[in-house]
PDB file of N, CA and C in Angstrom:
ATOM      1  N   MET A   1     141.019 -68.021  38.144  1.00  0.00           N
ATOM      2  CA  MET A   1     142.116 -67.646  37.279  1.00  0.00           C
ATOM      3  C   MET A   1     143.315 -67.269  38.151  1.00  0.00           C
ATOM      4  N   ILE A   2     144.461 -67.792  37.802  1.00  0.00           N
ATOM      5  CA  ILE A   2     145.691 -67.530  38.542  1.00  0.00           C
ATOM      6  C   ILE A   2     146.478 -66.460  37.797  1.00  0.00           C
ATOM      7  N   ASP A   3     146.804 -65.388  38.502  1.00  0.00           N
ATOM      8  CA  ASP A   3     147.550 -64.276  37.919  1.00  0.00           C
ATOM      9  C   ASP A   3     149.031 -64.627  37.896  1.00  0.00           C
ATOM     10  N   VAL A   4     149.611 -64.616  36.699  1.00  0.00           N
ATOM     11  CA  VAL A   4     151.032 -64.902  36.531  1.00  0.00           C
ATOM     12  C   VAL A   4     151.696 -63.662  35.946  1.00  0.00           C
ATOM     13  N   VAL A   5     152.739 -63.197  36.601  1.00  0.00           N
ATOM     14  CA  VAL A   5     153.527 -62.080  36.085  1.00  0.00           C
ATOM     15  C   VAL A   5     154.909 -62.610  35.758  1.00  0.00           C
ATOM     16  N   VAL A   6     155.353 -62.297  34.546  1.00  0.00           N
ATOM     17  CA  VAL A   6     156.688 -62.689  34.106  1.00  0.00           C
ATOM     18  C   VAL A   6     157.498 -61.410  33.915  1.00  0.00           C
ATOM     19  N   LEU A   7     158.550 -61.261  34.695  1.00  0.00           N
ATOM     20  CA  LEU A   7     159.475 -60.137  34.530  1.00  0.00           C
ATOM     21  C   LEU A   7     160.516 -60.579  33.516  1.00  0.00           C
ATOM     22  N   SER A   8     160.499 -59.955  32.346  1.00  0.00           N
ATOM     23  CA  SER A   8     161.351 -60.433  31.261  1.00  0.00           C
ATOM     24  C   SER A   8     162.166 -59.299  30.654  1.00  0.00           C
ATOM     25  N   GLN A   9     163.068 -59.696  29.774  1.00  0.00           N
ATOM     26  CA  GLN A   9     163.887 -58.728  29.049  1.00  0.00           C
ATOM     27  C   GLN A   9     164.151 -59.272  27.651  1.00  0.00           C
ATOM     28  N   PRO A  10     164.493 -58.387  26.712  1.00  0.00           N
ATOM     29  CA  PRO A  10     164.755 -58.824  25.337  1.00  0.00           C
ATOM     30  C   PRO A  10     165.993 -59.727  25.255  1.00  0.00           C
ATOM     31  N   ASP A  11     166.010 -60.560  24.228  1.00  0.00           N
ATOM     32  CA  ASP A  11     167.163 -61.432  23.961  1.00  0.00           C
ATOM     33  C   ASP A  11     167.543 -62.281  25.166  1.00  0.00           C
ATOM     34  N   CYS A  12     166.542 -62.844  25.810  1.00  0.00           N
ATOM     35  CA  CYS A  12     166.743 -63.641  27.015  1.00  0.00           C
ATOM     36  C   CYS A  12     166.264 -65.070  26.734  1.00  0.00           C
ATOM     37  N   PRO A  13     167.191 -66.011  26.551  1.00  0.00           N
ATOM     38  CA  PRO A  13     166.794 -67.395  26.268  1.00  0.00           C
ATOM     39  C   PRO A  13     165.917 -68.007  27.362  1.00  0.00           C
ATOM     40  N   PHE A  14     166.187 -67.684  28.627  1.00  0.00           N
ATOM     41  CA  PHE A  14     165.366 -68.223  29.707  1.00  0.00           C
ATOM     42  C   PHE A  14     163.961 -67.620  29.685  1.00  0.00           C
ATOM     43  N   CYS A  15     163.835 -66.381  29.195  1.00  0.00           N
ATOM     44  CA  CYS A  15     162.509 -65.761  29.054  1.00  0.00           C
ATOM     45  C   CYS A  15     161.711 -66.497  27.984  1.00  0.00           C
ATOM     46  N   ASP A  16     162.373 -66.859  26.892  1.00  0.00           N
ATOM     47  CA  ASP A  16     161.716 -67.635  25.835  1.00  0.00           C
ATOM     48  C   ASP A  16     161.289 -69.000  26.381  1.00  0.00           C
ATOM     49  N   LEU A  17     162.155 -69.618  27.161  1.00  0.00           N
ATOM     50  CA  LEU A  17     161.835 -70.907  27.765  1.00  0.00           C
ATOM     51  C   LEU A  17     160.655 -70.772  28.722  1.00  0.00           C
ATOM     52  N   ALA A  18     160.620 -69.697  29.503  1.00  0.00           N
ATOM     53  CA  ALA A  18     159.502 -69.461  30.430  1.00  0.00           C
ATOM     54  C   ALA A  18     158.190 -69.371  29.661  1.00  0.00           C
ATOM     55  N   GLU A  19     158.202 -68.706  28.515  1.00  0.00           N
ATOM     56  CA  GLU A  19     156.992 -68.585  27.696  1.00  0.00           C
ATOM     57  C   GLU A  19     156.521 -69.965  27.229  1.00  0.00           C
ATOM     58  N   GLN A  20     157.444 -70.799  26.797  1.00  0.00           N
ATOM     59  CA  GLN A  20     157.092 -72.152  26.354  1.00  0.00           C
ATOM     60  C   GLN A  20     156.519 -72.969  27.508  1.00  0.00           C
ATOM     61  N   VAL A  21     157.149 -72.893  28.667  1.00  0.00           N
ATOM     62  CA  VAL A  21     156.676 -73.619  29.847  1.00  0.00           C
ATOM     63  C   VAL A  21     155.273 -73.157  30.227  1.00  0.00           C
ATOM     64  N   LEU A  22     155.061 -71.850  30.254  1.00  0.00           N
ATOM     65  CA  LEU A  22     153.749 -71.318  30.631  1.00  0.00           C
ATOM     66  C   LEU A  22     152.670 -71.713  29.629  1.00  0.00           C
ATOM     67  N   GLN A  23     153.002 -71.773  28.361  1.00  0.00           N
ATOM     68  CA  GLN A  23     152.023 -72.208  27.358  1.00  0.00           C
ATOM     69  C   GLN A  23     151.609 -73.657  27.597  1.00  0.00           C
ATOM     70  N   ARG A  24     152.565 -74.513  27.935  1.00  0.00           N
ATOM     71  CA  ARG A  24     152.229 -75.916  28.218  1.00  0.00           C
ATOM     72  C   ARG A  24     151.392 -76.026  29.486  1.00  0.00           C
ATOM     73  N   VAL A  25     151.805 -75.329  30.524  1.00  0.00           N
ATOM     74  CA  VAL A  25     151.113 -75.412  31.809  1.00  0.00           C
ATOM     75  C   VAL A  25     149.711 -74.824  31.718  1.00  0.00           C
ATOM     76  N   ALA A  26     149.527 -73.813  30.877  1.00  0.00           N
ATOM     77  CA  ALA A  26     148.215 -73.166  30.724  1.00  0.00           C
ATOM     78  C   ALA A  26     147.169 -74.118  30.136  1.00  0.00           C
ATOM     79  N   ARG A  27     147.595 -75.219  29.556  1.00  0.00           N
ATOM     80  CA  ARG A  27     146.647 -76.236  29.074  1.00  0.00           C
ATOM     81  C   ARG A  27     145.963 -76.945  30.245  1.00  0.00           C
ATOM     82  N   ASP A  28     146.622 -76.930  31.406  1.00  0.00           N
ATOM     83  CA  ASP A  28     146.127 -77.660  32.567  1.00  0.00           C
ATOM     84  C   ASP A  28     145.622 -76.771  33.701  1.00  0.00           C
ATOM     85  N   TYR A  29     146.021 -75.517  33.704  1.00  0.00           N
ATOM     86  CA  TYR A  29     145.636 -74.600  34.780  1.00  0.00           C
ATOM     87  C   TYR A  29     145.127 -73.294  34.178  1.00  0.00           C
ATOM     88  N   PRO A  30     144.163 -72.644  34.829  1.00  0.00           N
ATOM     89  CA  PRO A  30     143.638 -71.365  34.311  1.00  0.00           C
ATOM     90  C   PRO A  30     144.589 -70.213  34.655  1.00  0.00           C
ATOM     91  N   LEU A  31     145.424 -69.830  33.693  1.00  0.00           N
ATOM     92  CA  LEU A  31     146.426 -68.800  33.928  1.00  0.00           C
ATOM     93  C   LEU A  31     146.086 -67.517  33.175  1.00  0.00           C
ATOM     94  N   ALA A  32     146.309 -66.392  33.818  1.00  0.00           N
ATOM     95  CA  ALA A  32     146.255 -65.081  33.171  1.00  0.00           C
ATOM     96  C   ALA A  32     147.680 -64.543  33.240  1.00  0.00           C
ATOM     97  N   VAL A  33     148.392 -64.616  32.113  1.00  0.00           N
ATOM     98  CA  VAL A  33     149.818 -64.288  32.085  1.00  0.00           C
ATOM     99  C   VAL A  33     150.026 -62.857  31.589  1.00  0.00           C
ATOM    100  N   ARG A  34     150.798 -62.101  32.361  1.00  0.00           N
ATOM    101  CA  ARG A  34     151.202 -60.740  31.994  1.00  0.00           C
ATOM    102  C   ARG A  34     152.710 -60.684  31.948  1.00  0.00           C
ATOM    103  N   HIS A  35     153.238 -60.052  30.914  1.00  0.00           N
ATOM    104  CA  HIS A  35     154.685 -59.865  30.799  1.00  0.00           C
ATOM    105  C   HIS A  35     154.998 -58.411  31.107  1.00  0.00           C
ATOM    106  N   ILE A  36     155.963 -58.207  31.986  1.00  0.00           N
ATOM    107  CA  ILE A  36     156.397 -56.867  32.355  1.00  0.00           C
ATOM    108  C   ILE A  36     157.899 -56.797  32.125  1.00  0.00           C
ATOM    109  N   ALA A  37     158.324 -55.766  31.415  1.00  0.00           N
ATOM    110  CA  ALA A  37     159.756 -55.601  31.149  1.00  0.00           C
ATOM    111  C   ALA A  37     160.494 -55.358  32.466  1.00  0.00           C
ATOM    112  N   LEU A  38     161.534 -56.112  32.669  1.00  0.00           N
ATOM    113  CA  LEU A  38     162.341 -55.981  33.885  1.00  0.00           C
ATOM    114  C   LEU A  38     162.957 -54.586  33.983  1.00  0.00           C
ATOM    115  N   THR A  39     163.178 -53.948  32.850  1.00  0.00           N
ATOM    116  CA  THR A  39     163.791 -52.616  32.834  1.00  0.00           C
ATOM    117  C   THR A  39     162.781 -51.489  33.031  1.00  0.00           C
ATOM    118  N   SER A  40     161.491 -51.805  33.025  1.00  0.00           N
ATOM    119  CA  SER A  40     160.477 -50.766  33.234  1.00  0.00           C
ATOM    120  C   SER A  40     160.427 -50.373  34.706  1.00  0.00           C
ATOM    121  N   GLU A  41     159.799 -49.253  34.986  1.00  0.00           N
ATOM    122  CA  GLU A  41     159.679 -48.801  36.375  1.00  0.00           C
ATOM    123  C   GLU A  41     158.929 -49.833  37.218  1.00  0.00           C
ATOM    124  N   GLU A  42     157.832 -50.342  36.680  1.00  0.00           N
ATOM    125  CA  GLU A  42     157.055 -51.368  37.396  1.00  0.00           C
ATOM    126  C   GLU A  42     157.878 -52.643  37.571  1.00  0.00           C
ATOM    127  N   GLY A  43     158.603 -53.053  36.522  1.00  0.00           N
ATOM    128  CA  GLY A  43     159.429 -54.253  36.585  1.00  0.00           C
ATOM    129  C   GLY A  43     160.542 -54.127  37.608  1.00  0.00           C
ATOM    130  N   GLN A  44     161.191 -52.970  37.648  1.00  0.00           N
ATOM    131  CA  GLN A  44     162.260 -52.750  38.616  1.00  0.00           C
ATOM    132  C   GLN A  44     161.724 -52.758  40.045  1.00  0.00           C
ATOM    133  N   ALA A  45     160.536 -52.169  40.240  1.00  0.00           N
ATOM    134  CA  ALA A  45     159.937 -52.150  41.580  1.00  0.00           C
ATOM    135  C   ALA A  45     159.592 -53.567  42.036  1.00  0.00           C
ATOM    136  N   LEU A  46     158.994 -54.361  41.138  1.00  0.00           N
ATOM    137  CA  LEU A  46     158.654 -55.746  41.482  1.00  0.00           C
ATOM    138  C   LEU A  46     159.913 -56.567  41.753  1.00  0.00           C
ATOM    139  N   ALA A  47     160.936 -56.378  40.932  1.00  0.00           N
ATOM    140  CA  ALA A  47     162.187 -57.121  41.110  1.00  0.00           C
ATOM    141  C   ALA A  47     162.824 -56.783  42.458  1.00  0.00           C
ATOM    142  N   ALA A  48     162.832 -55.519  42.808  1.00  0.00           N
ATOM    143  CA  ALA A  48     163.418 -55.106  44.094  1.00  0.00           C
ATOM    144  C   ALA A  48     162.599 -55.658  45.260  1.00  0.00           C
ATOM    145  N   ARG A  49     161.281 -55.606  45.144  1.00  0.00           N
ATOM    146  CA  ARG A  49     160.406 -56.079  46.224  1.00  0.00           C
ATOM    147  C   ARG A  49     160.552 -57.578  46.459  1.00  0.00           C
ATOM    148  N   HIS A  50     160.754 -58.336  45.377  1.00  0.00           N
ATOM    149  CA  HIS A  50     160.768 -59.799  45.488  1.00  0.00           C
ATOM    150  C   HIS A  50     162.165 -60.413  45.398  1.00  0.00           C
ATOM    151  N   GLY A  51     163.187 -59.592  45.228  1.00  0.00           N
ATOM    152  CA  GLY A  51     164.551 -60.124  45.188  1.00  0.00           C
ATOM    153  C   GLY A  51     164.894 -60.837  43.896  1.00  0.00           C
ATOM    154  N   VAL A  52     164.318 -60.399  42.785  1.00  0.00           N
ATOM    155  CA  VAL A  52     164.634 -61.002  41.487  1.00  0.00           C
ATOM    156  C   VAL A  52     165.975 -60.446  41.023  1.00  0.00           C
ATOM    157  N   LEU A  53     166.953 -61.316  40.859  1.00  0.00           N
ATOM    158  CA  LEU A  53     168.293 -60.881  40.483  1.00  0.00           C
ATOM    159  C   LEU A  53     168.471 -60.795  38.971  1.00  0.00           C
ATOM    160  N   PHE A  54     167.737 -61.649  38.225  1.00  0.00           N
ATOM    161  CA  PHE A  54     167.815 -61.604  36.765  1.00  0.00           C
ATOM    162  C   PHE A  54     166.565 -62.269  36.190  1.00  0.00           C
ATOM    163  N   ALA A  55     166.351 -61.994  34.909  1.00  0.00           N
ATOM    164  CA  ALA A  55     165.150 -62.473  34.219  1.00  0.00           C
ATOM    165  C   ALA A  55     165.284 -63.951  33.876  1.00  0.00           C
ATOM    166  N   PRO A  56     164.140 -64.599  33.722  1.00  0.00           N
ATOM    167  CA  PRO A  56     162.803 -64.118  34.010  1.00  0.00           C
ATOM    168  C   PRO A  56     162.440 -64.349  35.480  1.00  0.00           C
ATOM    169  N   GLY A  57     161.722 -63.426  36.024  1.00  0.00           N
ATOM    170  CA  GLY A  57     161.124 -63.618  37.342  1.00  0.00           C
ATOM    171  C   GLY A  57     159.686 -64.039  37.141  1.00  0.00           C
ATOM    172  N   ILE A  58     159.222 -65.048  37.856  1.00  0.00           N
ATOM    173  CA  ILE A  58     157.848 -65.530  37.709  1.00  0.00           C
ATOM    174  C   ILE A  58     157.146 -65.405  39.048  1.00  0.00           C
ATOM    175  N   LEU A  59     156.036 -64.670  39.040  1.00  0.00           N
ATOM    176  CA  LEU A  59     155.230 -64.482  40.236  1.00  0.00           C
ATOM    177  C   LEU A  59     153.852 -65.101  40.014  1.00  0.00           C
ATOM    178  N   LEU A  60     153.368 -65.839  40.996  1.00  0.00           N
ATOM    179  CA  LEU A  60     152.013 -66.393  40.973  1.00  0.00           C
ATOM    180  C   LEU A  60     151.196 -65.661  42.019  1.00  0.00           C
ATOM    181  N   ASP A  61     150.142 -65.002  41.579  1.00  0.00           N
ATOM    182  CA  ASP A  61     149.288 -64.240  42.489  1.00  0.00           C
ATOM    183  C   ASP A  61     150.115 -63.377  43.437  1.00  0.00           C
ATOM    184  N   GLY A  62     151.128 -62.702  42.881  1.00  0.00           N
ATOM    185  CA  GLY A  62     151.931 -61.766  43.653  1.00  0.00           C
ATOM    186  C   GLY A  62     153.049 -62.373  44.477  1.00  0.00           C
ATOM    187  N   GLN A  63     153.243 -63.680  44.387  1.00  0.00           N
ATOM    188  CA  GLN A  63     154.299 -64.343  45.157  1.00  0.00           C
ATOM    189  C   GLN A  63     155.367 -64.879  44.204  1.00  0.00           C
ATOM    190  N   LEU A  64     156.629 -64.522  44.459  1.00  0.00           N
ATOM    191  CA  LEU A  64     157.725 -64.999  43.628  1.00  0.00           C
ATOM    192  C   LEU A  64     157.881 -66.506  43.790  1.00  0.00           C
ATOM    193  N   ILE A  65     157.931 -67.210  42.649  1.00  0.00           N
ATOM    194  CA  ILE A  65     158.201 -68.647  42.727  1.00  0.00           C
ATOM    195  C   ILE A  65     159.544 -69.002  42.106  1.00  0.00           C
ATOM    196  N   SER A  66     160.045 -68.139  41.204  1.00  0.00           N
ATOM    197  CA  SER A  66     161.360 -68.430  40.634  1.00  0.00           C
ATOM    198  C   SER A  66     161.887 -67.240  39.844  1.00  0.00           C
ATOM    199  N   TYR A  67     163.199 -67.276  39.625  1.00  0.00           N
ATOM    200  CA  TYR A  67     163.820 -66.384  38.654  1.00  0.00           C
ATOM    201  C   TYR A  67     164.957 -67.152  38.026  1.00  0.00           C
ATOM    202  N   GLY A  68     165.359 -66.712  36.844  1.00  0.00           N
ATOM    203  CA  GLY A  68     166.372 -67.456  36.090  1.00  0.00           C
ATOM    204  C   GLY A  68     165.714 -68.586  35.319  1.00  0.00           C
ATOM    205  N   ARG A  69     166.456 -69.630  35.087  1.00  0.00           N
ATOM    206  CA  ARG A  69     165.943 -70.757  34.293  1.00  0.00           C
ATOM    207  C   ARG A  69     164.685 -71.328  34.940  1.00  0.00           C
ATOM    208  N   PRO A  70     163.565 -71.325  34.206  1.00  0.00           N
ATOM    209  CA  PRO A  70     162.313 -71.815  34.792  1.00  0.00           C
ATOM    210  C   PRO A  70     162.244 -73.339  34.825  1.00  0.00           C
ATOM    211  N   SER A  71     161.563 -73.851  35.828  1.00  0.00           N
ATOM    212  CA  SER A  71     161.358 -75.286  35.975  1.00  0.00           C
ATOM    213  C   SER A  71     159.859 -75.576  35.867  1.00  0.00           C
ATOM    214  N   GLU A  72     159.483 -76.345  34.853  1.00  0.00           N
ATOM    215  CA  GLU A  72     158.063 -76.694  34.690  1.00  0.00           C
ATOM    216  C   GLU A  72     157.572 -77.507  35.877  1.00  0.00           C
ATOM    217  N   ARG A  73     158.384 -78.406  36.365  1.00  0.00           N
ATOM    218  CA  ARG A  73     157.988 -79.238  37.508  1.00  0.00           C
ATOM    219  C   ARG A  73     157.708 -78.373  38.747  1.00  0.00           C
ATOM    220  N   ARG A  74     158.597 -77.430  39.002  1.00  0.00           N
ATOM    221  CA  ARG A  74     158.411 -76.548  40.163  1.00  0.00           C
ATOM    222  C   ARG A  74     157.163 -75.683  40.003  1.00  0.00           C
ATOM    223  N   LEU A  75     156.953 -75.145  38.799  1.00  0.00           N
ATOM    224  CA  LEU A  75     155.767 -74.339  38.529  1.00  0.00           C
ATOM    225  C   LEU A  75     154.502 -75.156  38.755  1.00  0.00           C
ATOM    226  N   ARG A  76     154.467 -76.371  38.231  1.00  0.00           N
ATOM    227  CA  ARG A  76     153.291 -77.236  38.413  1.00  0.00           C
ATOM    228  C   ARG A  76     153.067 -77.574  39.895  1.00  0.00           C
ATOM    229  N   ARG A  77     154.138 -77.782  40.619  1.00  0.00           N
ATOM    230  CA  ARG A  77     154.024 -78.074  42.050  1.00  0.00           C
ATOM    231  C   ARG A  77     153.380 -76.892  42.785  1.00  0.00           C
ATOM    232  N   HIS A  78     153.824 -75.687  42.475  1.00  0.00           N
ATOM    233  CA  HIS A  78     153.236 -74.491  43.095  1.00  0.00           C
ATOM    234  C   HIS A  78     151.772 -74.329  42.707  1.00  0.00           C
ATOM    235  N   LEU A  79     151.475 -74.547  41.438  1.00  0.00           N
ATOM    236  CA  LEU A  79     150.096 -74.397  40.975  1.00  0.00           C
ATOM    237  C   LEU A  79     149.176 -75.434  41.607  1.00  0.00           C
ATOM    238  N   THR A  80     149.642 -76.652  41.738  1.00  0.00           N
ATOM    239  CA  THR A  80     148.840 -77.695  42.365  1.00  0.00           C
ATOM    240  C   THR A  80     148.577 -77.346  43.823  1.00  0.00           C
ATOM    241  N   ALA A  81     149.595 -76.853  44.515  1.00  0.00           N
ATOM    242  CA  ALA A  81     149.418 -76.465  45.914  1.00  0.00           C
ATOM    243  C   ALA A  81     148.442 -75.295  46.037  1.00  0.00           C
ATOM    244  N   GLN A  82     148.464 -74.401  45.070  1.00  0.00           N
ATOM    245  CA  GLN A  82     147.636 -73.200  45.124  1.00  0.00           C
ATOM    246  C   GLN A  82     146.222 -73.442  44.591  1.00  0.00           C
ATOM    247  N   ALA A  83     146.112 -74.148  43.481  1.00  0.00           N
ATOM    248  CA  ALA A  83     144.825 -74.261  42.805  1.00  0.00           C
ATOM    249  C   ALA A  83     144.225 -75.658  42.834  1.00  0.00           C
ATOM    250  N   GLY A  84     144.963 -76.623  43.328  1.00  0.00           N
ATOM    251  CA  GLY A  84     144.468 -77.993  43.299  1.00  0.00           C
ATOM    252  C   GLY A  84     144.893 -78.701  42.027  1.00  0.00           C
ATOM    253  N   ARG A  85     144.233 -79.787  41.747  1.00  0.00           N
ATOM    254  CA  ARG A  85     144.564 -80.607  40.581  1.00  0.00           C
ATOM    255  C   ARG A  85     144.366 -79.852  39.280  1.00  0.00           C
ATOM    256  N   PRO A  86     145.116 -80.231  38.233  1.00  0.00           N
ATOM    257  CA  PRO A  86     144.927 -79.610  36.918  1.00  0.00           C
ATOM    258  C   PRO A  86     143.495 -79.785  36.432  1.00  0.00           C
ATOM    259  N   THR A  87     143.067 -78.874  35.553  1.00  0.00           N
ATOM    260  CA  THR A  87     141.707 -78.927  35.029  1.00  0.00           C
ATOM    261  C   THR A  87     141.560 -79.965  33.923  1.00  0.00           C
ATOM    262  N   THR A  88     142.636 -80.278  33.221  1.00  0.00           N
ATOM    263  CA  THR A  88     142.615 -81.302  32.176  1.00  0.00           C
ATOM    264  C   THR A  88     143.849 -82.160  32.348  1.00  0.00           C
ATOM    265  N   HIS A  89     143.882 -83.231  31.614  1.00  0.00           N
ATOM    266  CA  HIS A  89     145.039 -84.110  31.670  1.00  0.00           C
ATOM    267  C   HIS A  89     145.665 -84.176  30.296  1.00  0.00           C
ATOM    268  N   THR A  90     146.938 -83.872  30.227  1.00  0.00           N
ATOM    269  CA  THR A  90     147.660 -83.975  28.961  1.00  0.00           C
ATOM    270  C   THR A  90     148.779 -84.974  29.136  1.00  0.00           C
ATOM    271  N   THR A  91     149.228 -85.492  28.042  1.00  0.00           N
ATOM    272  CA  THR A  91     150.347 -86.419  28.080  1.00  0.00           C
ATOM    273  C   THR A  91     151.622 -85.614  27.982  1.00  0.00           C
ATOM    274  N   ARG A  92     152.485 -85.771  28.943  1.00  0.00           N
ATOM    275  CA  ARG A  92     153.765 -85.072  28.939  1.00  0.00           C
ATOM    276  C   ARG A  92     154.845 -86.088  28.631  1.00  0.00           C
ATOM    277  N   PRO A  93     155.838 -85.658  27.835  1.00  0.00           N
ATOM    278  CA  PRO A  93     156.933 -86.585  27.496  1.00  0.00           C
ATOM    279  C   PRO A  93     157.770 -86.926  28.703  1.00  0.00           C
TER     280      PRO A  93
END
């Protein structure tokens, strides 16, 4: 299982997009997704430690892979490098 932390905030279109991307990717990779408010003490500490300038920040197993507008392609590339091939095959548009 790959631990995914999403540093998010309310009324954030990119945070909503990150959720959609993670739902699609979770069909192919074993993800355990946790959402942490960027404004919380834990969220602020993680953002400062990893250099997250704005939401959403996405961390895989404690390593920052992106912040701001999420890229499904980039996320899949990181997951493939970390976990190997996807567990299932889905048709992507």
